[in-house]
Amino acid sequence: MVRNPELDTDKQNEQIEEFVSKKVDGIFVNPIDSKKLSSLESARKAGIPVIAIDASVNNTDLIDCVINLWRKKPHACVWDKSHISLDIYLEK
């Protein structure tokens, strides 16, 4: 399932709550506002892993990792709860 919150934080929270109610296996989210994703608490309580894309959230206890794909050379920079950063360069 893919949802577009159209830069609306309230809509993004509603969509995450929808995913939680459908008991998805995991949620990938690109946070619009790192301070306003209260719905991540529901995902955490439901035991659903959350991966943030290109931005973290203020309460990092609510996410499992962050993947950044914004550098000039395509790569994935993974941050996890142990604060380990791993750069993975994507080569053709």
PDB file of N, CA and C in Angstrom:
ATOM      1  N   MET A   1       0.838  -1.170   0.000  1.00  0.00           N
ATOM      2  CA  MET A   1       0.000   0.000   0.000  1.00  0.00           C
ATOM      3  C   MET A   1       0.888   1.240   0.000  1.00  0.00           C
ATOM      4  N   VAL A   2       0.526   2.187  -0.799  1.00  0.00           N
ATOM      5  CA  VAL A   2       1.252   3.442  -0.877  1.00  0.00           C
ATOM      6  C   VAL A   2       0.244   4.570  -0.696  1.00  0.00           C
ATOM      7  N   ARG A   3       0.618   5.549   0.091  1.00  0.00           N
ATOM      8  CA  ARG A   3      -0.239   6.709   0.316  1.00  0.00           C
ATOM      9  C   ARG A   3       0.580   7.975   0.130  1.00  0.00           C
ATOM     10  N   ASN A   4      -0.050   9.030  -0.368  1.00  0.00           N
ATOM     11  CA  ASN A   4       0.590  10.325  -0.534  1.00  0.00           C
ATOM     12  C   ASN A   4      -0.115  11.326   0.379  1.00  0.00           C
ATOM     13  N   PRO A   5       0.564  11.803   1.423  1.00  0.00           N
ATOM     14  CA  PRO A   5      -0.075  12.751   2.331  1.00  0.00           C
ATOM     15  C   PRO A   5      -0.148  14.178   1.789  1.00  0.00           C
ATOM     16  N   GLU A   6       0.443  14.416   0.631  1.00  0.00           N
ATOM     17  CA  GLU A   6       0.388  15.728  -0.035  1.00  0.00           C
ATOM     18  C   GLU A   6       0.827  16.866   0.893  1.00  0.00           C
ATOM     19  N   LEU A   7       1.924  16.629   1.617  1.00  0.00           N
ATOM     20  CA  LEU A   7       2.531  17.602   2.531  1.00  0.00           C
ATOM     21  C   LEU A   7       1.593  18.045   3.653  1.00  0.00           C
ATOM     22  N   ASP A   8       0.655  17.178   4.029  1.00  0.00           N
ATOM     23  CA  ASP A   8      -0.301  17.455   5.099  1.00  0.00           C
ATOM     24  C   ASP A   8      -0.009  16.507   6.262  1.00  0.00           C
ATOM     25  N   THR A   9       0.482  17.060   7.369  1.00  0.00           N
ATOM     26  CA  THR A   9       0.870  16.234   8.522  1.00  0.00           C
ATOM     27  C   THR A   9      -0.311  15.471   9.104  1.00  0.00           C
ATOM     28  N   ASP A  10      -1.466  16.114   9.195  1.00  0.00           N
ATOM     29  CA  ASP A  10      -2.655  15.427   9.719  1.00  0.00           C
ATOM     30  C   ASP A  10      -3.020  14.235   8.838  1.00  0.00           C
ATOM     31  N   LYS A  11      -2.943  14.442   7.537  1.00  0.00           N
ATOM     32  CA  LYS A  11      -3.246  13.358   6.595  1.00  0.00           C
ATOM     33  C   LYS A  11      -2.229  12.233   6.740  1.00  0.00           C
ATOM     34  N   GLN A  12      -0.957  12.579   6.943  1.00  0.00           N
ATOM     35  CA  GLN A  12       0.070  11.558   7.107  1.00  0.00           C
ATOM     36  C   GLN A  12      -0.199  10.730   8.361  1.00  0.00           C
ATOM     37  N   ASN A  13      -0.600  11.379   9.441  1.00  0.00           N
ATOM     38  CA  ASN A  13      -0.945  10.650  10.662  1.00  0.00           C
ATOM     39  C   ASN A  13      -2.140   9.728  10.436  1.00  0.00           C
ATOM     40  N   GLU A  14      -3.153  10.192   9.722  1.00  0.00           N
ATOM     41  CA  GLU A  14      -4.324   9.362   9.418  1.00  0.00           C
ATOM     42  C   GLU A  14      -3.917   8.136   8.601  1.00  0.00           C
ATOM     43  N   GLN A  15      -3.022   8.335   7.647  1.00  0.00           N
ATOM     44  CA  GLN A  15      -2.584   7.228   6.799  1.00  0.00           C
ATOM     45  C   GLN A  15      -1.792   6.201   7.606  1.00  0.00           C
ATOM     46  N   ILE A  16      -0.946   6.662   8.515  1.00  0.00           N
ATOM     47  CA  ILE A  16      -0.195   5.734   9.361  1.00  0.00           C
ATOM     48  C   ILE A  16      -1.154   4.966  10.266  1.00  0.00           C
ATOM     49  N   GLU A  17      -2.142   5.650  10.816  1.00  0.00           N
ATOM     50  CA  GLU A  17      -3.154   4.975  11.643  1.00  0.00           C
ATOM     51  C   GLU A  17      -3.906   3.924  10.819  1.00  0.00           C
ATOM     52  N   GLU A  18      -4.153   4.223   9.546  1.00  0.00           N
ATOM     53  CA  GLU A  18      -4.797   3.243   8.658  1.00  0.00           C
ATOM     54  C   GLU A  18      -3.917   2.002   8.516  1.00  0.00           C
ATOM     55  N   PHE A  19      -2.625   2.210   8.316  1.00  0.00           N
ATOM     56  CA  PHE A  19      -1.703   1.078   8.202  1.00  0.00           C
ATOM     57  C   PHE A  19      -1.707   0.237   9.477  1.00  0.00           C
ATOM     58  N   VAL A  20      -1.727   0.914  10.623  1.00  0.00           N
ATOM     59  CA  VAL A  20      -1.745   0.210  11.908  1.00  0.00           C
ATOM     60  C   VAL A  20      -3.024  -0.613  12.024  1.00  0.00           C
ATOM     61  N   SER A  21      -4.154  -0.027  11.659  1.00  0.00           N
ATOM     62  CA  SER A  21      -5.435  -0.750  11.767  1.00  0.00           C
ATOM     63  C   SER A  21      -5.489  -1.951  10.828  1.00  0.00           C
ATOM     64  N   LYS A  22      -4.751  -1.877   9.720  1.00  0.00           N
ATOM     65  CA  LYS A  22      -4.709  -2.999   8.773  1.00  0.00           C
ATOM     66  C   LYS A  22      -3.625  -4.004   9.126  1.00  0.00           C
ATOM     67  N   LYS A  23      -2.902  -3.739  10.209  1.00  0.00           N
ATOM     68  CA  LYS A  23      -1.862  -4.636  10.709  1.00  0.00           C
ATOM     69  C   LYS A  23      -0.815  -4.970   9.645  1.00  0.00           C
ATOM     70  N   VAL A  24      -0.289  -3.921   9.003  1.00  0.00           N
ATOM     71  CA  VAL A  24       0.753  -4.120   7.996  1.00  0.00           C
ATOM     72  C   VAL A  24       2.004  -4.684   8.657  1.00  0.00           C
ATOM     73  N   ASP A  25       2.890  -5.253   7.859  1.00  0.00           N
ATOM     74  CA  ASP A  25       4.126  -5.840   8.384  1.00  0.00           C
ATOM     75  C   ASP A  25       5.188  -4.802   8.713  1.00  0.00           C
ATOM     76  N   GLY A  26       5.112  -3.638   8.085  1.00  0.00           N
ATOM     77  CA  GLY A  26       6.088  -2.585   8.318  1.00  0.00           C
ATOM     78  C   GLY A  26       5.636  -1.310   7.647  1.00  0.00           C
ATOM     79  N   ILE A  27       6.187  -0.185   8.081  1.00  0.00           N
ATOM     80  CA  ILE A  27       5.829   1.113   7.518  1.00  0.00           C
ATOM     81  C   ILE A  27       7.099   1.857   7.136  1.00  0.00           C
ATOM     82  N   PHE A  28       7.142   2.333   5.896  1.00  0.00           N
ATOM     83  CA  PHE A  28       8.173   3.264   5.434  1.00  0.00           C
ATOM     84  C   PHE A  28       7.524   4.636   5.404  1.00  0.00           C
ATOM     85  N   VAL A  29       8.164   5.629   5.990  1.00  0.00           N
ATOM     86  CA  VAL A  29       7.572   6.963   6.035  1.00  0.00           C
ATOM     87  C   VAL A  29       8.638   8.018   5.785  1.00  0.00           C
ATOM     88  N   ASN A  30       8.293   9.008   4.977  1.00  0.00           N
ATOM     89  CA  ASN A  30       9.118  10.190   4.797  1.00  0.00           C
ATOM     90  C   ASN A  30       8.431  11.290   5.597  1.00  0.00           C
ATOM     91  N   PRO A  31       8.895  11.548   6.827  1.00  0.00           N
ATOM     92  CA  PRO A  31       8.193  12.486   7.709  1.00  0.00           C
ATOM     93  C   PRO A  31       8.108  13.899   7.131  1.00  0.00           C
ATOM     94  N   ILE A  32       6.896  14.428   7.115  1.00  0.00           N
ATOM     95  CA  ILE A  32       6.698  15.815   6.684  1.00  0.00           C
ATOM     96  C   ILE A  32       7.204  16.759   7.769  1.00  0.00           C
ATOM     97  N   ASP A  33       6.839  16.461   9.010  1.00  0.00           N
ATOM     98  CA  ASP A  33       7.281  17.258  10.157  1.00  0.00           C
ATOM     99  C   ASP A  33       7.738  16.293  11.244  1.00  0.00           C
ATOM    100  N   SER A  34       9.011  16.331  11.561  1.00  0.00           N
ATOM    101  CA  SER A  34       9.590  15.357  12.493  1.00  0.00           C
ATOM    102  C   SER A  34       9.010  15.451  13.899  1.00  0.00           C
ATOM    103  N   LYS A  35       8.313  16.540  14.206  1.00  0.00           N
ATOM    104  CA  LYS A  35       7.759  16.734  15.545  1.00  0.00           C
ATOM    105  C   LYS A  35       6.294  16.325  15.644  1.00  0.00           C
ATOM    106  N   LYS A  36       5.642  16.064  14.529  1.00  0.00           N
ATOM    107  CA  LYS A  36       4.185  15.903  14.539  1.00  0.00           C
ATOM    108  C   LYS A  36       3.694  14.554  14.036  1.00  0.00           C
ATOM    109  N   LEU A  37       4.434  13.489  14.283  1.00  0.00           N
ATOM    110  CA  LEU A  37       3.980  12.165  13.857  1.00  0.00           C
ATOM    111  C   LEU A  37       3.559  11.336  15.071  1.00  0.00           C
ATOM    112  N   SER A  38       2.511  11.770  15.708  1.00  0.00           N
ATOM    113  CA  SER A  38       2.001  11.077  16.900  1.00  0.00           C
ATOM    114  C   SER A  38       1.528   9.668  16.584  1.00  0.00           C
ATOM    115  N   SER A  39       1.156   9.426  15.342  1.00  0.00           N
ATOM    116  CA  SER A  39       0.668   8.104  14.940  1.00  0.00           C
ATOM    117  C   SER A  39       1.740   7.023  15.042  1.00  0.00           C
ATOM    118  N   LEU A  40       2.999   7.422  15.092  1.00  0.00           N
ATOM    119  CA  LEU A  40       4.064   6.431  15.215  1.00  0.00           C
ATOM    120  C   LEU A  40       3.999   5.709  16.556  1.00  0.00           C
ATOM    121  N   GLU A  41       3.407   6.346  17.563  1.00  0.00           N
ATOM    122  CA  GLU A  41       3.227   5.687  18.855  1.00  0.00           C
ATOM    123  C   GLU A  41       2.307   4.474  18.697  1.00  0.00           C
ATOM    124  N   SER A  42       1.272   4.610  17.874  1.00  0.00           N
ATOM    125  CA  SER A  42       0.355   3.489  17.616  1.00  0.00           C
ATOM    126  C   SER A  42       1.077   2.350  16.922  1.00  0.00           C
ATOM    127  N   ALA A  43       1.932   2.703  15.956  1.00  0.00           N
ATOM    128  CA  ALA A  43       2.690   1.676  15.237  1.00  0.00           C
ATOM    129  C   ALA A  43       3.625   0.938  16.203  1.00  0.00           C
ATOM    130  N   ARG A  44       4.281   1.678  17.090  1.00  0.00           N
ATOM    131  CA  ARG A  44       5.197   1.068  18.052  1.00  0.00           C
ATOM    132  C   ARG A  44       4.429   0.126  18.982  1.00  0.00           C
ATOM    133  N   LYS A  45       3.279   0.586  19.503  1.00  0.00           N
ATOM    134  CA  LYS A  45       2.470  -0.243  20.409  1.00  0.00           C
ATOM    135  C   LYS A  45       1.978  -1.503  19.719  1.00  0.00           C
ATOM    136  N   ALA A  46       1.739  -1.418  18.396  1.00  0.00           N
ATOM    137  CA  ALA A  46       1.268  -2.567  17.629  1.00  0.00           C
ATOM    138  C   ALA A  46       2.415  -3.482  17.210  1.00  0.00           C
ATOM    139  N   GLY A  47       3.664  -3.070  17.495  1.00  0.00           N
ATOM    140  CA  GLY A  47       4.817  -3.887  17.136  1.00  0.00           C
ATOM    141  C   GLY A  47       5.170  -3.830  15.663  1.00  0.00           C
ATOM    142  N   ILE A  48       4.752  -2.773  14.985  1.00  0.00           N
ATOM    143  CA  ILE A  48       5.023  -2.633  13.550  1.00  0.00           C
ATOM    144  C   ILE A  48       6.330  -1.859  13.369  1.00  0.00           C
ATOM    145  N   PRO A  49       7.307  -2.440  12.686  1.00  0.00           N
ATOM    146  CA  PRO A  49       8.563  -1.729  12.439  1.00  0.00           C
ATOM    147  C   PRO A  49       8.322  -0.495  11.563  1.00  0.00           C
ATOM    148  N   VAL A  50       9.016   0.597  11.887  1.00  0.00           N
ATOM    149  CA  VAL A  50       8.898   1.841  11.129  1.00  0.00           C
ATOM    150  C   VAL A  50      10.281   2.252  10.649  1.00  0.00           C
ATOM    151  N   ILE A  51      10.381   2.491   9.349  1.00  0.00           N
ATOM    152  CA  ILE A  51      11.626   2.947   8.737  1.00  0.00           C
ATOM    153  C   ILE A  51      11.367   4.331   8.160  1.00  0.00           C
ATOM    154  N   ALA A  52      12.130   5.315   8.623  1.00  0.00           N
ATOM    155  CA  ALA A  52      12.001   6.679   8.122  1.00  0.00           C
ATOM    156  C   ALA A  52      12.921   6.839   6.913  1.00  0.00           C
ATOM    157  N   ILE A  53      12.406   7.516   5.900  1.00  0.00           N
ATOM    158  CA  ILE A  53      13.161   7.743   4.663  1.00  0.00           C
ATOM    159  C   ILE A  53      13.525   9.222   4.554  1.00  0.00           C
ATOM    160  N   ASP A  54      14.805   9.508   4.377  1.00  0.00           N
ATOM    161  CA  ASP A  54      15.347  10.847   4.130  1.00  0.00           C
ATOM    162  C   ASP A  54      15.171  11.854   5.254  1.00  0.00           C
ATOM    163  N   ALA A  55      14.573  11.474   6.354  1.00  0.00           N
ATOM    164  CA  ALA A  55      14.450  12.368   7.512  1.00  0.00           C
ATOM    165  C   ALA A  55      14.127  11.524   8.732  1.00  0.00           C
ATOM    166  N   SER A  56      14.630  11.937   9.867  1.00  0.00           N
ATOM    167  CA  SER A  56      14.332  11.226  11.098  1.00  0.00           C
ATOM    168  C   SER A  56      13.131  11.870  11.773  1.00  0.00           C
ATOM    169  N   VAL A  57      12.832  11.424  12.964  1.00  0.00           N
ATOM    170  CA  VAL A  57      11.789  12.028  13.779  1.00  0.00           C
ATOM    171  C   VAL A  57      12.413  12.409  15.116  1.00  0.00           C
ATOM    172  N   ASN A  58      11.764  13.320  15.827  1.00  0.00           N
ATOM    173  CA  ASN A  58      12.328  13.773  17.102  1.00  0.00           C
ATOM    174  C   ASN A  58      12.462  12.646  18.107  1.00  0.00           C
ATOM    175  N   ASN A  59      11.463  11.808  18.220  1.00  0.00           N
ATOM    176  CA  ASN A  59      11.504  10.694  19.166  1.00  0.00           C
ATOM    177  C   ASN A  59      11.966   9.441  18.426  1.00  0.00           C
ATOM    178  N   THR A  60      13.264   9.207  18.430  1.00  0.00           N
ATOM    179  CA  THR A  60      13.811   8.085  17.669  1.00  0.00           C
ATOM    180  C   THR A  60      13.453   6.730  18.270  1.00  0.00           C
ATOM    181  N   ASP A  61      12.853   6.710  19.454  1.00  0.00           N
ATOM    182  CA  ASP A  61      12.376   5.442  20.017  1.00  0.00           C
ATOM    183  C   ASP A  61      11.183   4.903  19.233  1.00  0.00           C
ATOM    184  N   LEU A  62      10.576   5.749  18.394  1.00  0.00           N
ATOM    185  CA  LEU A  62       9.388   5.342  17.646  1.00  0.00           C
ATOM    186  C   LEU A  62       9.711   4.798  16.259  1.00  0.00           C
ATOM    187  N   ILE A  63      10.993   4.818  15.876  1.00  0.00           N
ATOM    188  CA  ILE A  63      11.379   4.290  14.575  1.00  0.00           C
ATOM    189  C   ILE A  63      12.472   3.243  14.756  1.00  0.00           C
ATOM    190  N   ASP A  64      12.617   2.400  13.755  1.00  0.00           N
ATOM    191  CA  ASP A  64      13.629   1.352  13.815  1.00  0.00           C
ATOM    192  C   ASP A  64      14.915   1.750  13.109  1.00  0.00           C
ATOM    193  N   CYS A  65      14.814   2.563  12.068  1.00  0.00           N
ATOM    194  CA  CYS A  65      16.009   3.080  11.407  1.00  0.00           C
ATOM    195  C   CYS A  65      15.634   4.198  10.456  1.00  0.00           C
ATOM    196  N   VAL A  66      16.660   4.883   9.975  1.00  0.00           N
ATOM    197  CA  VAL A  66      16.499   5.942   8.989  1.00  0.00           C
ATOM    198  C   VAL A  66      17.349   5.576   7.781  1.00  0.00           C
ATOM    199  N   ILE A  67      16.792   5.725   6.610  1.00  0.00           N
ATOM    200  CA  ILE A  67      17.541   5.511   5.370  1.00  0.00           C
ATOM    201  C   ILE A  67      17.565   6.838   4.622  1.00  0.00           C
ATOM    202  N   ASN A  68      18.765   7.359   4.362  1.00  0.00           N
ATOM    203  CA  ASN A  68      18.913   8.609   3.611  1.00  0.00           C
ATOM    204  C   ASN A  68      19.412   8.312   2.211  1.00  0.00           C
ATOM    205  N   LEU A  69      18.714   8.830   1.235  1.00  0.00           N
ATOM    206  CA  LEU A  69      19.072   8.609  -0.168  1.00  0.00           C
ATOM    207  C   LEU A  69      19.237   9.935  -0.902  1.00  0.00           C
ATOM    208  N   TRP A  70      19.738  10.931  -0.244  1.00  0.00           N
ATOM    209  CA  TRP A  70      19.741  12.278  -0.802  1.00  0.00           C
ATOM    210  C   TRP A  70      21.086  12.787  -1.311  1.00  0.00           C
ATOM    211  N   ARG A  71      22.134  12.037  -1.190  1.00  0.00           N
ATOM    212  CA  ARG A  71      23.439  12.523  -1.659  1.00  0.00           C
ATOM    213  C   ARG A  71      23.535  12.454  -3.174  1.00  0.00           C
ATOM    214  N   LYS A  72      24.523  13.176  -3.724  1.00  0.00           N
ATOM    215  CA  LYS A  72      24.687  13.215  -5.181  1.00  0.00           C
ATOM    216  C   LYS A  72      24.952  11.836  -5.755  1.00  0.00           C
ATOM    217  N   LYS A  73      25.804  11.066  -5.083  1.00  0.00           N
ATOM    218  CA  LYS A  73      26.058   9.704  -5.537  1.00  0.00           C
ATOM    219  C   LYS A  73      25.038   8.791  -4.859  1.00  0.00           C
ATOM    220  N   PRO A  74      24.254   8.042  -5.622  1.00  0.00           N
ATOM    221  CA  PRO A  74      23.205   7.219  -5.006  1.00  0.00           C
ATOM    222  C   PRO A  74      23.771   6.277  -3.945  1.00  0.00           C
ATOM    223  N   HIS A  75      23.177   6.299  -2.785  1.00  0.00           N
ATOM    224  CA  HIS A  75      23.620   5.419  -1.710  1.00  0.00           C
ATOM    225  C   HIS A  75      22.514   5.335  -0.662  1.00  0.00           C
ATOM    226  N   ALA A  76      22.667   4.436   0.229  1.00  0.00           N
ATOM    227  CA  ALA A  76      21.768   4.361   1.380  1.00  0.00           C
ATOM    228  C   ALA A  76      22.617   4.551   2.625  1.00  0.00           C
ATOM    229  N   CYS A  77      22.254   5.482   3.451  1.00  0.00           N
ATOM    230  CA  CYS A  77      22.941   5.701   4.717  1.00  0.00           C
ATOM    231  C   CYS A  77      21.979   5.263   5.807  1.00  0.00           C
ATOM    232  N   VAL A  78      22.294   4.216   6.498  1.00  0.00           N
ATOM    233  CA  VAL A  78      21.371   3.635   7.462  1.00  0.00           C
ATOM    234  C   VAL A  78      21.777   4.028   8.876  1.00  0.00           C
ATOM    235  N   TRP A  79      20.835   4.535   9.635  1.00  0.00           N
ATOM    236  CA  TRP A  79      21.049   4.860  11.041  1.00  0.00           C
ATOM    237  C   TRP A  79      20.103   3.991  11.842  1.00  0.00           C
ATOM    238  N   ASP A  80      20.602   3.342  12.845  1.00  0.00           N
ATOM    239  CA  ASP A  80      19.706   2.526  13.671  1.00  0.00           C
ATOM    240  C   ASP A  80      19.829   2.953  15.124  1.00  0.00           C
ATOM    241  N   LYS A  81      19.093   2.278  16.003  1.00  0.00           N
ATOM    242  CA  LYS A  81      19.035   2.687  17.405  1.00  0.00           C
ATOM    243  C   LYS A  81      20.386   2.666  18.105  1.00  0.00           C
ATOM    244  N   SER A  82      21.322   1.920  17.590  1.00  0.00           N
ATOM    245  CA  SER A  82      22.648   1.910  18.208  1.00  0.00           C
ATOM    246  C   SER A  82      23.502   3.050  17.648  1.00  0.00           C
ATOM    247  N   HIS A  83      22.895   3.917  16.838  1.00  0.00           N
ATOM    248  CA  HIS A  83      23.553   5.083  16.252  1.00  0.00           C
ATOM    249  C   HIS A  83      24.712   4.695  15.347  1.00  0.00           C
ATOM    250  N   ILE A  84      24.549   3.595  14.666  1.00  0.00           N
ATOM    251  CA  ILE A  84      25.553   3.158  13.703  1.00  0.00           C
ATOM    252  C   ILE A  84      25.131   3.662  12.328  1.00  0.00           C
ATOM    253  N   SER A  85      26.041   4.271  11.632  1.00  0.00           N
ATOM    254  CA  SER A  85      25.765   4.747  10.283  1.00  0.00           C
ATOM    255  C   SER A  85      26.539   3.882   9.302  1.00  0.00           C
ATOM    256  N   LEU A  86      25.876   3.450   8.274  1.00  0.00           N
ATOM    257  CA  LEU A  86      26.504   2.589   7.279  1.00  0.00           C
ATOM    258  C   LEU A  86      26.182   3.142   5.899  1.00  0.00           C
ATOM    259  N   ASP A  87      27.196   3.514   5.156  1.00  0.00           N
ATOM    260  CA  ASP A  87      26.990   3.992   3.791  1.00  0.00           C
ATOM    261  C   ASP A  87      27.073   2.815   2.831  1.00  0.00           C
ATOM    262  N   ILE A  88      26.065   2.669   2.035  1.00  0.00           N
ATOM    263  CA  ILE A  88      26.024   1.616   1.016  1.00  0.00           C
ATOM    264  C   ILE A  88      25.926   2.318  -0.336  1.00  0.00           C
ATOM    265  N   TYR A  89      26.964   2.234  -1.148  1.00  0.00           N
ATOM    266  CA  TYR A  89      26.930   2.864  -2.451  1.00  0.00           C
ATOM    267  C   TYR A  89      26.283   1.951  -3.469  1.00  0.00           C
ATOM    268  N   LEU A  90      25.387   2.509  -4.236  1.00  0.00           N
ATOM    269  CA  LEU A  90      24.646   1.726  -5.228  1.00  0.00           C
ATOM    270  C   LEU A  90      25.305   1.920  -6.595  1.00  0.00           C
ATOM    271  N   GLU A  91      25.983   0.916  -7.072  1.00  0.00           N
ATOM    272  CA  GLU A  91      26.700   0.986  -8.351  1.00  0.00           C
ATOM    273  C   GLU A  91      25.973   0.148  -9.382  1.00  0.00           C
ATOM    274  N   LYS A  92      26.077   0.582 -10.624  1.00  0.00           N
ATOM    275  CA  LYS A  92      25.492  -0.211 -11.720  1.00  0.00           C
ATOM    276  C   LYS A  92      26.490  -1.223 -12.210  1.00  0.00           C
TER     277      LYS A  92
END
